[in-house]
Each structure stands twice: as structure tokens, then as C-alpha cells.
N, C-alpha and C. Protein backbone atom coordinates (compact mmCIF):
# COMPACT_ATOMS: atom_id res chain seq x y z
N TRP A 1 93.17 27.76 20.36
CA TRP A 1 93.74 26.53 21.19
C TRP A 1 94.01 25.45 20.03
N VAL A 2 93.06 25.45 19.48
CA VAL A 2 93.17 24.17 18.05
C VAL A 2 94.71 23.89 17.57
N SER A 3 94.99 24.97 17.22
CA SER A 3 96.62 25.19 16.40
C SER A 3 97.60 24.99 17.57
N GLU A 4 97.41 25.15 18.84
CA GLU A 4 98.37 24.84 19.92
C GLU A 4 97.92 23.47 19.98
N TYR A 5 97.13 23.00 20.38
CA TYR A 5 96.79 21.16 20.15
C TYR A 5 97.51 20.64 19.07
N ASN A 6 97.06 20.74 18.05
CA ASN A 6 97.88 20.47 16.93
C ASN A 6 99.16 20.53 16.45
N CYS A 7 99.47 21.60 16.57
CA CYS A 7 100.82 21.92 15.85
C CYS A 7 102.54 22.25 17.22
N GLU A 8 102.01 22.58 18.63
CA GLU A 8 102.79 23.30 19.43
C GLU A 8 102.84 22.21 20.39
N ARG A 9 101.98 21.51 20.92
CA ARG A 9 101.62 20.35 22.07
C ARG A 9 101.88 19.04 21.92
N PRO A 10 103.29 18.55 21.95
CA PRO A 10 103.63 17.28 22.02
C PRO A 10 102.74 16.26 22.61
N HIS A 11 102.34 15.01 22.08
CA HIS A 11 101.47 14.35 23.09
C HIS A 11 102.25 12.61 23.18
N GLU A 12 101.76 12.57 24.51
CA GLU A 12 102.81 11.16 25.05
C GLU A 12 102.62 10.08 24.08
N SER A 13 100.78 10.07 23.99
CA SER A 13 100.64 8.65 23.41
C SER A 13 100.76 9.03 21.93
N LEU A 14 101.53 9.95 21.24
CA LEU A 14 102.01 10.10 19.50
C LEU A 14 103.82 9.77 20.04
N ASN A 15 104.11 9.31 20.97
CA ASN A 15 105.60 9.33 21.21
C ASN A 15 106.18 10.75 21.18
N ASN A 16 105.83 11.42 21.85
CA ASN A 16 106.09 12.99 22.05
C ASN A 16 106.40 13.81 21.11
N MET A 17 105.38 13.53 20.13
CA MET A 17 105.32 14.30 18.42
C MET A 17 103.89 15.04 18.66
N THR A 18 103.69 16.21 18.03
CA THR A 18 102.49 16.99 17.95
C THR A 18 101.70 16.11 16.82
N PRO A 19 100.56 16.49 16.89
CA PRO A 19 99.47 15.58 16.02
C PRO A 19 99.81 15.30 14.60
N GLU A 20 100.37 17.20 14.37
CA GLU A 20 100.88 17.80 12.74
C GLU A 20 102.38 16.87 12.29
N GLU A 21 103.18 16.35 13.23
CA GLU A 21 104.31 15.75 13.35
C GLU A 21 103.70 14.21 13.49
N TYR A 22 102.90 14.00 13.58
CA TYR A 22 102.19 12.51 13.95
C TYR A 22 102.17 11.90 12.29
N ARG A 23 101.06 13.09 12.20
CA ARG A 23 100.68 13.15 10.45
C ARG A 23 101.43 12.82 9.52
N GLN A 24 102.73 13.55 9.41
CA GLN A 24 103.62 14.32 8.78
C GLN A 24 104.53 12.97 8.99
N HIS A 25 104.71 11.96 10.06
CA HIS A 25 105.70 10.92 9.66
C HIS A 25 105.02 10.16 9.73
N ASN A 26 103.88 9.47 9.41
CA ASN A 26 103.00 8.01 9.39
C ASN A 26 102.72 8.64 7.80
N HIS A 27 102.39 9.74 7.41
CA HIS A 27 102.75 10.16 5.38
C HIS A 27 103.38 9.70 4.81
N LEU A 28 104.79 10.16 5.10
CA LEU A 28 106.19 10.08 4.69
C LEU A 28 106.41 8.16 5.13
N ALA A 29 106.25 7.84 6.16
CA ALA A 29 106.18 6.31 6.22
C ALA A 29 105.54 5.34 5.24
N GLY A 30 104.07 5.63 4.77
CA GLY A 30 103.55 5.22 4.15
C GLY A 30 103.60 5.08 2.74
N ILE A 31 104.37 6.62 2.22
CA ILE A 31 105.03 6.74 0.47
C ILE A 31 106.24 5.95 0.62
N SER A 32 106.95 5.26 1.68
CA SER A 32 108.18 4.64 1.36
C SER A 32 107.71 3.57 1.23
N LYS A 33 106.85 3.02 2.05
CA LYS A 33 106.38 1.69 1.86
C LYS A 33 105.79 1.61 0.63
N ASN A 34 105.17 2.05 0.00
CA ASN A 34 104.13 1.95 -0.94
C ASN A 34 105.40 1.94 -2.25
N ALA A 35 106.47 2.45 -2.12
CA ALA A 35 107.50 2.52 -3.07
C ALA A 35 107.77 0.77 -3.41
N TRP A 36 107.80 0.02 -2.65
CA TRP A 36 108.37 -1.30 -3.00
C TRP A 36 106.88 -2.14 -3.50
N ASN A 37 105.81 -1.57 -3.89
CA ASN A 37 104.99 -2.63 -4.23
C ASN A 37 104.69 -2.38 -5.55
């Protein structure tokens, strides 16, 4: 159930992304922000 919760089931509070998609999206956003510093 943990894999389903984190990788398959979208969450409304995460803009309808799965927790894994949200983590990857924020990780990539952090890299692009740091590139400017």
C-alpha cells in the first residue's frame, strides 16, 4: 500500500501529483534556482 500511496495515487493537496512526482518536481525546481546563484 505504501508504494501505491507514494507512486500511483495522486493527491489533491499536491496539485494532483503523486508524492513521488511532487518530490521530483521540487528537486528539479531547486536545481534550476540554484544555478542562478
